[in-house]
Amino acid sequence: MKGLIINADDLGSDIARNEGIFRALDAGIVTSASILANGPAFDDAIRRMSLTLGHNASFGVHLNISQGTSVSRGLEILADENNLFPGKAKTLSLFSGHVSDPLREEIEREVTSQIEKLLNAGIDITHIDSHHHVHILPAVAPIVMKAAQKYHIRRMRVPEEPSGTLRSLPSDPAITEEAEFFSRFARQVRPLLTAWGIIASDHFLGLYMKGRLSPAVLAEVAENLNDGITELMVHPGTACAADPSNPFSLFSTAERQIELAALLDDGFHAILEKKKIKLLSYCEALN
């Protein structure tokens, strides 16, 4: 059996991204989405979810302690005086090793605040992943697994992806370096999940195709999908003008529209049917 979870990240980041994600959800090709609790378009995402009752998509929390504004207030280490997180590069460096007890306490407070914001909005959180994959870094992973157990969230992304599996993509040293970085920490986290009562997909794809999704790439994914359950991370959306007040809008570019078009392409649907690949939500795939 070959099952595929197609999860759209960054729901709630901006209106343009929300529009693209819900187009893919309504088409039935994206089966799951992860919500940014601190996204400027969070309320718009919740509104759209309340109006979309015709699909069986799952919705998870896209934990974010690297970019944008914190949900909790009064953080002295994790965020600055304006409640802003330090950005991707600094965050990945900081959380890759040991952190102080006060910082660990602030991470726990923010993770809890983001999960509770979704729960208070009526979201049945099916899974956990994170912005810039911080949830699998050594300083953060134990905190996230503890929170998952506390809030009875049984599923988690493990972004471990083998290299060299996509022949249709040219090699990119920067993308390869980042993918290997995340995969290394993900491999360390996977054996720990059972003790916390957490399950993950058998396979993961998306690190190497970041910003480069196309019909050819999706066709190759479908043609070579492994047995078991695979999560494919995608970032569909529509383009919008950059908004200085919203750092996430910088990434709502034409690439998002290209990704959306690739997912909606009839050829991808045809290959999935031909290969008898079953599209599944997180809760359908992992019980």
Foldseek 3Di string as FASTA:
>chain_A
DFAEAEEAEAQQQDPQLVVLVVVLVVVVLHQEYAYELQHPRRVVNLVVVVVDDPHNHAYAHAAEQAADAFLDPDQPPSAHPRRGGPHQPVLVVQQQDDDDPSVLVVLLVRVVSSVVSCVVSVHPHQEYAYDLRSCLHPSRVVSVLVVCLVVVRAEYEQLAADPPQFPVDDDDVVLVVSSVVSNVSSVVCVVVSVVSNHDYWPEEDESNCVLPDALSRLLSCLVDPDPTYYYYYDRAGAQDDDDPNRPSNVPRHVSNPRRSCSSVDVVSVVSCVVSVYHYHHSVRRPD
